[in-house]
């Protein structure tokens, strides 16, 4: 009955995505590229049992394990009981992070009064219709169109798909962005992001990422990349731009959406981490879904621990 976990590696892409791509989960944390490129920080592991994918990770080296909601087509009640037994082997109560509303409803129905649910607003995902980000139709998008028009007027640009040859230029821009934006209070988070991003770019082909950059006078002035979350939702993991080029962020946002494969209807631009400017920017693109996420904590006779939160890409 025990779950046998093993570290997530590039070699596990096919088995993990055979579950996630076929699911209806739109949560950015189910992106294989995110799991793999952030493993250095969360020590992420997976197990397969009884037609379910289980993900286990740690918030830091000294913390107890926490879990994602199981992905699969079998008996979810049985799957949760397996997680409960697994947590008990570590002498901890069960914590499940990143649960969306359907999972919350399912847990409440299958395990009445057994879980405490804590909302994580800073980690709600912003999901958009791809067509909205391409067309930018209507008054609400007028400022975006204005910035794009200025960029087109001021610069002769080319959108280039990210290839192995383009990776060094993207890393060069990212380093400039890092130096311009790092401060003492966020330096550790930015360093983690750099490590994750560098890993992803250096394994771009193996992770089957999709990305592109805006090239002006032979220099990359903005780039973005991401990967599928499921069969119809694409996750944008990274977007960087040189703000000296007015409208570069708006332009890469639109052009990236334009060049995505047709099968993807939704674009998940991940969470805002509680950063006011980032929240405002993500809201300004008018998400069709603000994907709620909760932490579920198994109730017991002891004190419920404080809510933990995770930094993401």
C-alpha atoms as a PDB file:
ATOM      1  CA  UNK A   1       0.000   0.000   0.000  1.00  0.00           C
ATOM      2  CA  UNK A   2       2.975   2.334   0.435  1.00  0.00           C
ATOM      3  CA  UNK A   3       3.874   5.000  -2.105  1.00  0.00           C
ATOM      4  CA  UNK A   4       7.374   4.750  -3.554  1.00  0.00           C
ATOM      5  CA  UNK A   5       8.661   8.252  -4.372  1.00  0.00           C
ATOM      6  CA  UNK A   6      11.652   9.076  -6.537  1.00  0.00           C
ATOM      7  CA  UNK A   7      13.278  12.391  -7.562  1.00  0.00           C
ATOM      8  CA  UNK A   8      11.813  14.133 -10.628  1.00  0.00           C
ATOM      9  CA  UNK A   9      14.298  14.201 -13.518  1.00  0.00           C
ATOM     10  CA  UNK A  10      14.198  15.053 -17.200  1.00  0.00           C
ATOM     11  CA  UNK A  11      13.842  11.351 -17.949  1.00  0.00           C
ATOM     12  CA  UNK A  12      10.457  11.330 -16.183  1.00  0.00           C
ATOM     13  CA  UNK A  13       8.793  13.819 -18.516  1.00  0.00           C
ATOM     14  CA  UNK A  14       6.762  11.290 -20.517  1.00  0.00           C
ATOM     15  CA  UNK A  15       5.352   9.393 -17.549  1.00  0.00           C
ATOM     16  CA  UNK A  16       4.445  12.536 -15.584  1.00  0.00           C
ATOM     17  CA  UNK A  17       2.899  14.383 -18.523  1.00  0.00           C
ATOM     18  CA  UNK A  18       0.879  11.290 -19.476  1.00  0.00           C
ATOM     19  CA  UNK A  19      -1.167  12.205 -16.392  1.00  0.00           C
ATOM     20  CA  UNK A  20      -1.017  15.999 -16.333  1.00  0.00           C
ATOM     21  CA  UNK A  21      -1.582  16.705 -20.060  1.00  0.00           C
ATOM     22  CA  UNK A  22      -4.730  14.588 -20.103  1.00  0.00           C
ATOM     23  CA  UNK A  23      -6.187  16.160 -16.977  1.00  0.00           C
ATOM     24  CA  UNK A  24      -8.363  19.250 -16.576  1.00  0.00           C
ATOM     25  CA  UNK A  25      -5.966  20.755 -14.017  1.00  0.00           C
ATOM     26  CA  UNK A  26      -4.928  24.271 -15.072  1.00  0.00           C
ATOM     27  CA  UNK A  27      -2.752  24.913 -12.018  1.00  0.00           C
ATOM     28  CA  UNK A  28       0.711  26.162 -13.079  1.00  0.00           C
ATOM     29  CA  UNK A  29       2.344  23.901 -10.498  1.00  0.00           C
ATOM     30  CA  UNK A  30       1.417  20.876 -12.636  1.00  0.00           C
ATOM     31  CA  UNK A  31       3.700  22.062 -15.432  1.00  0.00           C
ATOM     32  CA  UNK A  32       6.483  19.505 -15.780  1.00  0.00           C
ATOM     33  CA  UNK A  33       8.965  22.252 -16.644  1.00  0.00           C
ATOM     34  CA  UNK A  34       8.179  23.980 -13.347  1.00  0.00           C
ATOM     35  CA  UNK A  35       8.535  20.744 -11.394  1.00  0.00           C
ATOM     36  CA  UNK A  36      11.875  19.965 -12.997  1.00  0.00           C
ATOM     37  CA  UNK A  37      13.503  23.401 -13.062  1.00  0.00           C
ATOM     38  CA  UNK A  38      12.586  24.151  -9.435  1.00  0.00           C
ATOM     39  CA  UNK A  39      13.571  20.759  -8.048  1.00  0.00           C
ATOM     40  CA  UNK A  40      16.822  22.191  -6.662  1.00  0.00           C
ATOM     41  CA  UNK A  41      14.728  24.207  -4.179  1.00  0.00           C
ATOM     42  CA  UNK A  42      11.797  21.891  -3.411  1.00  0.00           C
ATOM     43  CA  UNK A  43      13.429  18.445  -3.816  1.00  0.00           C
ATOM     44  CA  UNK A  44      10.332  17.403  -5.766  1.00  0.00           C
ATOM     45  CA  UNK A  45       9.532  13.707  -6.094  1.00  0.00           C
ATOM     46  CA  UNK A  46       6.823  11.630  -7.735  1.00  0.00           C
ATOM     47  CA  UNK A  47       5.130   8.272  -7.363  1.00  0.00           C
ATOM     48  CA  UNK A  48       2.700   6.321  -9.533  1.00  0.00           C
ATOM     49  CA  UNK A  49       0.181   4.003  -7.935  1.00  0.00           C
ATOM     50  CA  UNK A  50      -3.359   2.797  -8.678  1.00  0.00           C
ATOM     51  CA  UNK A  51      -3.710   5.008 -11.767  1.00  0.00           C
ATOM     52  CA  UNK A  52      -2.689   8.187  -9.931  1.00  0.00           C
ATOM     53  CA  UNK A  53       0.299  10.511 -10.092  1.00  0.00           C
ATOM     54  CA  UNK A  54       1.460  11.735  -6.681  1.00  0.00           C
ATOM     55  CA  UNK A  55       3.839  14.682  -6.189  1.00  0.00           C
ATOM     56  CA  UNK A  56       5.762  15.214  -2.945  1.00  0.00           C
ATOM     57  CA  UNK A  57       8.072  18.113  -2.130  1.00  0.00           C
ATOM     58  CA  UNK A  58       9.603  20.094   0.712  1.00  0.00           C
ATOM     59  CA  UNK A  59       9.448  23.840   1.360  1.00  0.00           C
ATOM     60  CA  UNK A  60      12.972  23.791   2.794  1.00  0.00           C
ATOM     61  CA  UNK A  61      15.553  21.252   3.928  1.00  0.00           C
ATOM     62  CA  UNK A  62      14.183  21.049   7.461  1.00  0.00           C
ATOM     63  CA  UNK A  63      10.463  20.960   6.669  1.00  0.00           C
ATOM     64  CA  UNK A  64       8.148  17.994   6.582  1.00  0.00           C
ATOM     65  CA  UNK A  65       6.857  16.768   3.194  1.00  0.00           C
ATOM     66  CA  UNK A  66       3.823  18.340   1.537  1.00  0.00           C
ATOM     67  CA  UNK A  67       1.868  17.101  -1.461  1.00  0.00           C
ATOM     68  CA  UNK A  68       0.029  18.182  -4.567  1.00  0.00           C
ATOM     69  CA  UNK A  69      -3.493  16.961  -5.277  1.00  0.00           C
ATOM     70  CA  UNK A  70      -3.332  13.500  -6.904  1.00  0.00           C
ATOM     71  CA  UNK A  71      -3.793  13.387 -10.692  1.00  0.00           C
ATOM     72  CA  UNK A  72      -5.580  10.426 -12.203  1.00  0.00           C
ATOM     73  CA  UNK A  73      -8.805   8.674 -13.082  1.00  0.00           C
ATOM     74  CA  UNK A  74      -9.170   6.246 -10.210  1.00  0.00           C
ATOM     75  CA  UNK A  75     -10.717   6.376  -6.747  1.00  0.00           C
ATOM     76  CA  UNK A  76      -9.744   9.764  -5.295  1.00  0.00           C
ATOM     77  CA  UNK A  77     -10.793   8.749  -1.783  1.00  0.00           C
ATOM     78  CA  UNK A  78      -8.356   5.855  -1.919  1.00  0.00           C
ATOM     79  CA  UNK A  79      -5.631   8.164  -3.307  1.00  0.00           C
ATOM     80  CA  UNK A  80      -6.042  10.657  -0.445  1.00  0.00           C
ATOM     81  CA  UNK A  81      -5.931   7.832   2.103  1.00  0.00           C
ATOM     82  CA  UNK A  82      -2.626   6.731   0.546  1.00  0.00           C
ATOM     83  CA  UNK A  83      -1.285  10.247   1.058  1.00  0.00           C
ATOM     84  CA  UNK A  84      -2.516  10.276   4.615  1.00  0.00           C
ATOM     85  CA  UNK A  85      -0.665   7.024   5.317  1.00  0.00           C
ATOM     86  CA  UNK A  86       2.435   8.383   3.585  1.00  0.00           C
ATOM     87  CA  UNK A  87       2.413  11.548   5.733  1.00  0.00           C
ATOM     88  CA  UNK A  88       1.967   9.417   8.851  1.00  0.00           C
ATOM     89  CA  UNK A  89       5.193   7.548   8.083  1.00  0.00           C
ATOM     90  CA  UNK A  90       6.955  10.899   8.537  1.00  0.00           C
ATOM     91  CA  UNK A  91       5.002  11.498  11.748  1.00  0.00           C
ATOM     92  CA  UNK A  92       3.234  14.511  10.266  1.00  0.00           C
ATOM     93  CA  UNK A  93      -0.336  15.384   9.447  1.00  0.00           C
ATOM     94  CA  UNK A  94      -1.256  15.572   5.775  1.00  0.00           C
ATOM     95  CA  UNK A  95      -0.781  18.894   3.946  1.00  0.00           C
ATOM     96  CA  UNK A  96      -1.961  19.268   0.335  1.00  0.00           C
ATOM     97  CA  UNK A  97      -1.009  22.505  -1.400  1.00  0.00           C
ATOM     98  CA  UNK A  98      -2.354  24.286  -4.475  1.00  0.00           C
ATOM     99  CA  UNK A  99      -5.831  22.753  -4.374  1.00  0.00           C
ATOM    100  CA  UNK A 100      -8.279  24.457  -6.719  1.00  0.00           C
ATOM    101  CA  UNK A 101     -12.025  24.814  -6.095  1.00  0.00           C
ATOM    102  CA  UNK A 102     -13.054  21.486  -7.728  1.00  0.00           C
ATOM    103  CA  UNK A 103     -10.504  19.615  -5.617  1.00  0.00           C
ATOM    104  CA  UNK A 104     -11.668  21.439  -2.508  1.00  0.00           C
ATOM    105  CA  UNK A 105     -15.280  20.476  -3.237  1.00  0.00           C
ATOM    106  CA  UNK A 106     -14.227  16.885  -3.872  1.00  0.00           C
ATOM    107  CA  UNK A 107     -12.316  16.668  -0.599  1.00  0.00           C
ATOM    108  CA  UNK A 108     -15.190  18.196   1.371  1.00  0.00           C
ATOM    109  CA  UNK A 109     -17.627  15.700  -0.150  1.00  0.00           C
ATOM    110  CA  UNK A 110     -15.391  12.659   0.353  1.00  0.00           C
ATOM    111  CA  UNK A 111     -13.993  13.653   3.752  1.00  0.00           C
ATOM    112  CA  UNK A 112     -16.610  15.796   5.534  1.00  0.00           C
ATOM    113  CA  UNK A 113     -15.086  17.952   8.283  1.00  0.00           C
ATOM    114  CA  UNK A 114     -11.727  16.164   7.994  1.00  0.00           C
ATOM    115  CA  UNK A 115      -9.756  19.010   6.383  1.00  0.00           C
ATOM    116  CA  UNK A 116      -9.162  22.658   7.148  1.00  0.00           C
ATOM    117  CA  UNK A 117      -8.858  24.814   4.004  1.00  0.00           C
ATOM    118  CA  UNK A 118      -6.729  27.950   3.910  1.00  0.00           C
ATOM    119  CA  UNK A 119      -6.884  30.246   0.851  1.00  0.00           C
ATOM    120  CA  UNK A 120      -3.586  31.393  -0.668  1.00  0.00           C
ATOM    121  CA  UNK A 121      -4.538  34.585  -2.540  1.00  0.00           C
ATOM    122  CA  UNK A 122      -0.942  35.435  -3.431  1.00  0.00           C
ATOM    123  CA  UNK A 123      -0.762  32.146  -5.342  1.00  0.00           C
ATOM    124  CA  UNK A 124      -4.010  32.325  -7.305  1.00  0.00           C
ATOM    125  CA  UNK A 125      -3.241  31.772 -11.013  1.00  0.00           C
ATOM    126  CA  UNK A 126      -4.196  34.307 -13.672  1.00  0.00           C
ATOM    127  CA  UNK A 127      -5.688  32.537 -16.694  1.00  0.00           C
ATOM    128  CA  UNK A 128      -6.557  34.307 -19.941  1.00  0.00           C
ATOM    129  CA  UNK A 129      -8.153  33.417 -23.229  1.00  0.00           C
ATOM    130  CA  UNK A 130      -5.371  33.247 -25.804  1.00  0.00           C
ATOM    131  CA  UNK A 131      -7.529  35.133 -28.311  1.00  0.00           C
ATOM    132  CA  UNK A 132      -7.943  38.021 -25.859  1.00  0.00           C
ATOM    133  CA  UNK A 133      -4.184  38.400 -25.497  1.00  0.00           C
ATOM    134  CA  UNK A 134      -3.760  38.288 -29.270  1.00  0.00           C
ATOM    135  CA  UNK A 135      -6.547  40.636 -30.361  1.00  0.00           C
ATOM    136  CA  UNK A 136      -6.660  43.040 -27.373  1.00  0.00           C
ATOM    137  CA  UNK A 137     -10.137  44.074 -28.439  1.00  0.00           C
ATOM    138  CA  UNK A 138     -12.173  46.782 -26.740  1.00  0.00           C
ATOM    139  CA  UNK A 139     -11.680  49.858 -24.616  1.00  0.00           C
ATOM    140  CA  UNK A 140     -10.242  47.935 -21.685  1.00  0.00           C
ATOM    141  CA  UNK A 141      -7.212  46.992 -23.802  1.00  0.00           C
ATOM    142  CA  UNK A 142      -6.670  50.428 -25.356  1.00  0.00           C
ATOM    143  CA  UNK A 143      -3.562  51.205 -23.232  1.00  0.00           C
ATOM    144  CA  UNK A 144      -2.013  47.884 -24.319  1.00  0.00           C
ATOM    145  CA  UNK A 145      -2.641  48.638 -27.979  1.00  0.00           C
ATOM    146  CA  UNK A 146      -1.144  52.106 -27.564  1.00  0.00           C
ATOM    147  CA  UNK A 147       2.083  50.689 -26.134  1.00  0.00           C
ATOM    148  CA  UNK A 148       2.301  48.082 -28.900  1.00  0.00           C
ATOM    149  CA  UNK A 149       1.742  50.701 -31.598  1.00  0.00           C
ATOM    150  CA  UNK A 150       4.530  52.849 -30.127  1.00  0.00           C
ATOM    151  CA  UNK A 151       6.881  49.891 -30.112  1.00  0.00           C
ATOM    152  CA  UNK A 152       6.091  49.112 -33.753  1.00  0.00           C
ATOM    153  CA  UNK A 153       6.546  52.760 -34.713  1.00  0.00           C
ATOM    154  CA  UNK A 154       9.833  53.240 -32.912  1.00  0.00           C
ATOM    155  CA  UNK A 155      11.625  49.970 -33.611  1.00  0.00           C
ATOM    156  CA  UNK A 156      12.269  47.660 -36.507  1.00  0.00           C
ATOM    157  CA  UNK A 157      11.861  44.302 -34.777  1.00  0.00           C
ATOM    158  CA  UNK A 158      11.731  40.605 -35.492  1.00  0.00           C
ATOM    159  CA  UNK A 159      10.096  37.886 -33.384  1.00  0.00           C
ATOM    160  CA  UNK A 160      12.384  34.868 -33.222  1.00  0.00           C
ATOM    161  CA  UNK A 161      11.541  31.482 -31.689  1.00  0.00           C
ATOM    162  CA  UNK A 162      13.963  30.569 -28.920  1.00  0.00           C
ATOM    163  CA  UNK A 163      16.512  28.065 -30.177  1.00  0.00           C
ATOM    164  CA  UNK A 164      19.815  26.834 -28.787  1.00  0.00           C
ATOM    165  CA  UNK A 165      21.530  29.687 -30.630  1.00  0.00           C
ATOM    166  CA  UNK A 166      19.250  32.303 -29.056  1.00  0.00           C
ATOM    167  CA  UNK A 167      19.629  31.062 -25.462  1.00  0.00           C
ATOM    168  CA  UNK A 168      22.890  32.980 -24.719  1.00  0.00           C
ATOM    169  CA  UNK A 169      21.250  36.249 -25.830  1.00  0.00           C
ATOM    170  CA  UNK A 170      18.258  35.578 -23.562  1.00  0.00           C
ATOM    171  CA  UNK A 171      20.565  34.861 -20.632  1.00  0.00           C
ATOM    172  CA  UNK A 172      22.428  38.090 -21.353  1.00  0.00           C
ATOM    173  CA  UNK A 173      19.197  40.113 -21.162  1.00  0.00           C
ATOM    174  CA  UNK A 174      18.136  38.260 -18.028  1.00  0.00           C
ATOM    175  CA  UNK A 175      21.426  39.159 -16.330  1.00  0.00           C
ATOM    176  CA  UNK A 176      20.916  42.828 -17.184  1.00  0.00           C
ATOM    177  CA  UNK A 177      17.378  42.613 -15.785  1.00  0.00           C
ATOM    178  CA  UNK A 178      18.660  40.925 -12.629  1.00  0.00           C
ATOM    179  CA  UNK A 179      21.271  43.614 -11.972  1.00  0.00           C
ATOM    180  CA  UNK A 180      18.717  46.365 -12.543  1.00  0.00           C
ATOM    181  CA  UNK A 181      16.065  44.873 -10.256  1.00  0.00           C
ATOM    182  CA  UNK A 182      17.836  43.132  -7.389  1.00  0.00           C
ATOM    183  CA  UNK A 183      17.514  44.609  -3.931  1.00  0.00           C
ATOM    184  CA  UNK A 184      18.551  43.194  -0.587  1.00  0.00           C
ATOM    185  CA  UNK A 185      15.037  42.083   0.375  1.00  0.00           C
ATOM    186  CA  UNK A 186      14.388  40.120  -2.827  1.00  0.00           C
ATOM    187  CA  UNK A 187      17.892  39.079  -3.843  1.00  0.00           C
ATOM    188  CA  UNK A 188      17.462  35.490  -2.611  1.00  0.00           C
ATOM    189  CA  UNK A 189      14.190  35.058  -4.521  1.00  0.00           C
ATOM    190  CA  UNK A 190      15.719  36.520  -7.692  1.00  0.00           C
ATOM    191  CA  UNK A 191      18.737  34.232  -7.324  1.00  0.00           C
ATOM    192  CA  UNK A 192      16.431  31.221  -7.117  1.00  0.00           C
ATOM    193  CA  UNK A 193      14.541  32.446 -10.169  1.00  0.00           C
ATOM    194  CA  UNK A 194      17.813  32.863 -12.076  1.00  0.00           C
ATOM    195  CA  UNK A 195      18.873  29.320 -11.222  1.00  0.00           C
ATOM    196  CA  UNK A 196      15.533  27.894 -12.335  1.00  0.00           C
ATOM    197  CA  UNK A 197      15.495  29.969 -15.521  1.00  0.00           C
ATOM    198  CA  UNK A 198      19.068  29.084 -16.418  1.00  0.00           C
ATOM    199  CA  UNK A 199      18.313  25.388 -15.983  1.00  0.00           C
ATOM    200  CA  UNK A 200      15.207  25.671 -18.158  1.00  0.00           C
ATOM    201  CA  UNK A 201      16.997  27.553 -20.931  1.00  0.00           C
ATOM    202  CA  UNK A 202      19.944  25.164 -20.937  1.00  0.00           C
ATOM    203  CA  UNK A 203      17.519  22.214 -21.218  1.00  0.00           C
ATOM    204  CA  UNK A 204      15.099  23.984 -23.534  1.00  0.00           C
ATOM    205  CA  UNK A 205      14.859  21.152 -26.036  1.00  0.00           C
ATOM    206  CA  UNK A 206      14.617  18.317 -23.502  1.00  0.00           C
ATOM    207  CA  UNK A 207      11.824  20.134 -21.631  1.00  0.00           C
ATOM    208  CA  UNK A 208      10.107  20.863 -24.978  1.00  0.00           C
ATOM    209  CA  UNK A 209       9.600  24.475 -24.010  1.00  0.00           C
ATOM    210  CA  UNK A 210       8.135  27.023 -26.393  1.00  0.00           C
ATOM    211  CA  UNK A 211       9.472  30.555 -26.368  1.00  0.00           C
ATOM    212  CA  UNK A 212      10.351  33.597 -28.399  1.00  0.00           C
ATOM    213  CA  UNK A 213      12.254  36.844 -28.295  1.00  0.00           C
ATOM    214  CA  UNK A 214      11.973  40.306 -29.774  1.00  0.00           C
ATOM    215  CA  UNK A 215      15.115  41.195 -31.678  1.00  0.00           C
ATOM    216  CA  UNK A 216      16.013  44.837 -32.386  1.00  0.00           C
ATOM    217  CA  UNK A 217      19.292  45.652 -34.165  1.00  0.00           C
ATOM    218  CA  UNK A 218      20.615  42.163 -33.473  1.00  0.00           C
ATOM    219  CA  UNK A 219      19.893  42.370 -29.738  1.00  0.00           C
ATOM    220  CA  UNK A 220      17.222  40.541 -27.732  1.00  0.00           C
ATOM    221  CA  UNK A 221      15.144  43.220 -25.962  1.00  0.00           C
ATOM    222  CA  UNK A 222      12.430  40.912 -24.598  1.00  0.00           C
ATOM    223  CA  UNK A 223      11.787  37.196 -24.343  1.00  0.00           C
ATOM    224  CA  UNK A 224       9.243  34.791 -22.926  1.00  0.00           C
ATOM    225  CA  UNK A 225       8.900  31.050 -22.646  1.00  0.00           C
ATOM    226  CA  UNK A 226       6.683  28.405 -21.133  1.00  0.00           C
ATOM    227  CA  UNK A 227       5.249  24.924 -21.480  1.00  0.00           C
ATOM    228  CA  UNK A 228       1.907  23.089 -21.597  1.00  0.00           C
ATOM    229  CA  UNK A 229       0.077  22.518 -18.328  1.00  0.00           C
ATOM    230  CA  UNK A 230      -2.598  20.323 -19.851  1.00  0.00           C
ATOM    231  CA  UNK A 231      -4.176  19.628 -23.221  1.00  0.00           C
ATOM    232  CA  UNK A 232      -5.671  23.128 -23.653  1.00  0.00           C
ATOM    233  CA  UNK A 233      -3.814  25.381 -21.196  1.00  0.00           C
ATOM    234  CA  UNK A 234      -0.317  26.754 -21.739  1.00  0.00           C
ATOM    235  CA  UNK A 235       1.784  28.147 -18.882  1.00  0.00           C
ATOM    236  CA  UNK A 236       3.982  31.216 -19.291  1.00  0.00           C
ATOM    237  CA  UNK A 237       6.891  30.698 -16.890  1.00  0.00           C
ATOM    238  CA  UNK A 238       9.159  33.617 -17.704  1.00  0.00           C
ATOM    239  CA  UNK A 239       8.793  37.015 -19.328  1.00  0.00           C
ATOM    240  CA  UNK A 240      11.620  39.564 -19.302  1.00  0.00           C
ATOM    241  CA  UNK A 241      12.064  42.838 -21.183  1.00  0.00           C
ATOM    242  CA  UNK A 242      14.368  45.828 -21.345  1.00  0.00           C
ATOM    243  CA  UNK A 243      12.132  48.708 -20.203  1.00  0.00           C
ATOM    244  CA  UNK A 244      14.276  51.183 -22.140  1.00  0.00           C
ATOM    245  CA  UNK A 245      12.320  49.923 -25.150  1.00  0.00           C
ATOM    246  CA  UNK A 246       8.861  51.374 -24.576  1.00  0.00           C
ATOM    247  CA  UNK A 247       6.128  48.798 -25.065  1.00  0.00           C
ATOM    248  CA  UNK A 248       8.509  45.815 -25.040  1.00  0.00           C
ATOM    249  CA  UNK A 249       6.556  43.956 -22.346  1.00  0.00           C
ATOM    250  CA  UNK A 250       3.233  44.489 -24.103  1.00  0.00           C
ATOM    251  CA  UNK A 251       4.729  43.476 -27.422  1.00  0.00           C
ATOM    252  CA  UNK A 252       6.324  40.235 -26.219  1.00  0.00           C
ATOM    253  CA  UNK A 253       3.118  39.344 -24.389  1.00  0.00           C
ATOM    254  CA  UNK A 254       1.051  39.656 -27.549  1.00  0.00           C
ATOM    255  CA  UNK A 255       3.561  38.114 -29.949  1.00  0.00           C
ATOM    256  CA  UNK A 256       4.112  35.139 -27.685  1.00  0.00           C
ATOM    257  CA  UNK A 257       0.367  34.452 -27.707  1.00  0.00           C
ATOM    258  CA  UNK A 258       0.251  34.892 -31.492  1.00  0.00           C
ATOM    259  CA  UNK A 259       2.906  32.230 -32.006  1.00  0.00           C
ATOM    260  CA  UNK A 260       1.500  29.592 -29.640  1.00  0.00           C
ATOM    261  CA  UNK A 261       0.171  26.379 -31.231  1.00  0.00           C
ATOM    262  CA  UNK A 262      -3.525  26.493 -32.081  1.00  0.00           C
ATOM    263  CA  UNK A 263      -4.530  23.753 -29.627  1.00  0.00           C
ATOM    264  CA  UNK A 264      -4.042  26.005 -26.588  1.00  0.00           C
ATOM    265  CA  UNK A 265      -7.173  27.959 -25.705  1.00  0.00           C
ATOM    266  CA  UNK A 266      -6.036  29.302 -22.342  1.00  0.00           C
ATOM    267  CA  UNK A 267      -2.824  30.944 -21.160  1.00  0.00           C
ATOM    268  CA  UNK A 268      -1.877  30.677 -17.488  1.00  0.00           C
ATOM    269  CA  UNK A 269       0.448  33.542 -16.519  1.00  0.00           C
ATOM    270  CA  UNK A 270       0.900  32.164 -13.009  1.00  0.00           C
ATOM    271  CA  UNK A 271       0.553  33.999  -9.703  1.00  0.00           C
ATOM    272  CA  UNK A 272       1.372  37.515  -8.488  1.00  0.00           C
ATOM    273  CA  UNK A 273       3.121  36.474  -5.233  1.00  0.00           C
ATOM    274  CA  UNK A 274       1.391  39.345  -3.443  1.00  0.00           C
ATOM    275  CA  UNK A 275       3.580  41.925  -5.225  1.00  0.00           C
ATOM    276  CA  UNK A 276       1.357  45.026  -5.776  1.00  0.00           C
ATOM    277  CA  UNK A 277       2.824  46.028  -9.140  1.00  0.00           C
ATOM    278  CA  UNK A 278       2.718  42.493 -10.471  1.00  0.00           C
ATOM    279  CA  UNK A 279      -0.870  42.059  -9.297  1.00  0.00           C
ATOM    280  CA  UNK A 280      -1.908  45.261 -11.042  1.00  0.00           C
ATOM    281  CA  UNK A 281      -0.147  44.226 -14.259  1.00  0.00           C
ATOM    282  CA  UNK A 282      -1.769  40.792 -14.324  1.00  0.00           C
ATOM    283  CA  UNK A 283      -5.211  42.198 -13.546  1.00  0.00           C
ATOM    284  CA  UNK A 284      -4.846  44.772 -16.318  1.00  0.00           C
ATOM    285  CA  UNK A 285      -4.903  41.971 -18.895  1.00  0.00           C
ATOM    286  CA  UNK A 286      -8.398  40.974 -17.737  1.00  0.00           C
ATOM    287  CA  UNK A 287      -8.084  37.292 -16.744  1.00  0.00           C
ATOM    288  CA  UNK A 288     -11.065  35.134 -17.617  1.00  0.00           C
ATOM    289  CA  UNK A 289     -10.258  32.954 -14.573  1.00  0.00           C
ATOM    290  CA  UNK A 290      -8.617  33.853 -11.296  1.00  0.00           C
ATOM    291  CA  UNK A 291      -7.778  30.300 -10.292  1.00  0.00           C
ATOM    292  CA  UNK A 292      -8.253  29.957  -6.554  1.00  0.00           C
ATOM    293  CA  UNK A 293      -5.792  27.797  -4.629  1.00  0.00           C
ATOM    294  CA  UNK A 294      -6.051  26.437  -1.107  1.00  0.00           C
ATOM    295  CA  UNK A 295      -3.888  24.549   1.333  1.00  0.00           C
ATOM    296  CA  UNK A 296      -5.745  21.587   2.822  1.00  0.00           C
ATOM    297  CA  UNK A 297      -4.591  20.487   6.261  1.00  0.00           C
ATOM    298  CA  UNK A 298      -5.846  17.251   7.789  1.00  0.00           C
ATOM    299  CA  UNK A 299      -7.475  18.004  11.099  1.00  0.00           C
ATOM    300  CA  UNK A 300      -6.327  16.233  14.243  1.00  0.00           C
ATOM    301  CA  UNK A 301      -6.517  16.759  17.970  1.00  0.00           C
ATOM    302  CA  UNK A 302      -3.412  18.918  17.956  1.00  0.00           C
ATOM    303  CA  UNK A 303      -2.847  22.460  16.835  1.00  0.00           C
ATOM    304  CA  UNK A 304      -3.099  23.175  13.105  1.00  0.00           C
ATOM    305  CA  UNK A 305       0.201  24.521  11.869  1.00  0.00           C
ATOM    306  CA  UNK A 306       0.530  27.983  10.350  1.00  0.00           C
ATOM    307  CA  UNK A 307       0.000  28.340   6.640  1.00  0.00           C
ATOM    308  CA  UNK A 308       3.140  27.926   4.575  1.00  0.00           C
ATOM    309  CA  UNK A 309       3.553  29.542   1.201  1.00  0.00           C
ATOM    310  CA  UNK A 310       5.844  28.754  -1.690  1.00  0.00           C
ATOM    311  CA  UNK A 311       7.696  31.022  -4.081  1.00  0.00           C
ATOM    312  CA  UNK A 312       7.191  30.033  -7.714  1.00  0.00           C
ATOM    313  CA  UNK A 313       8.502  31.058 -11.087  1.00  0.00           C
END
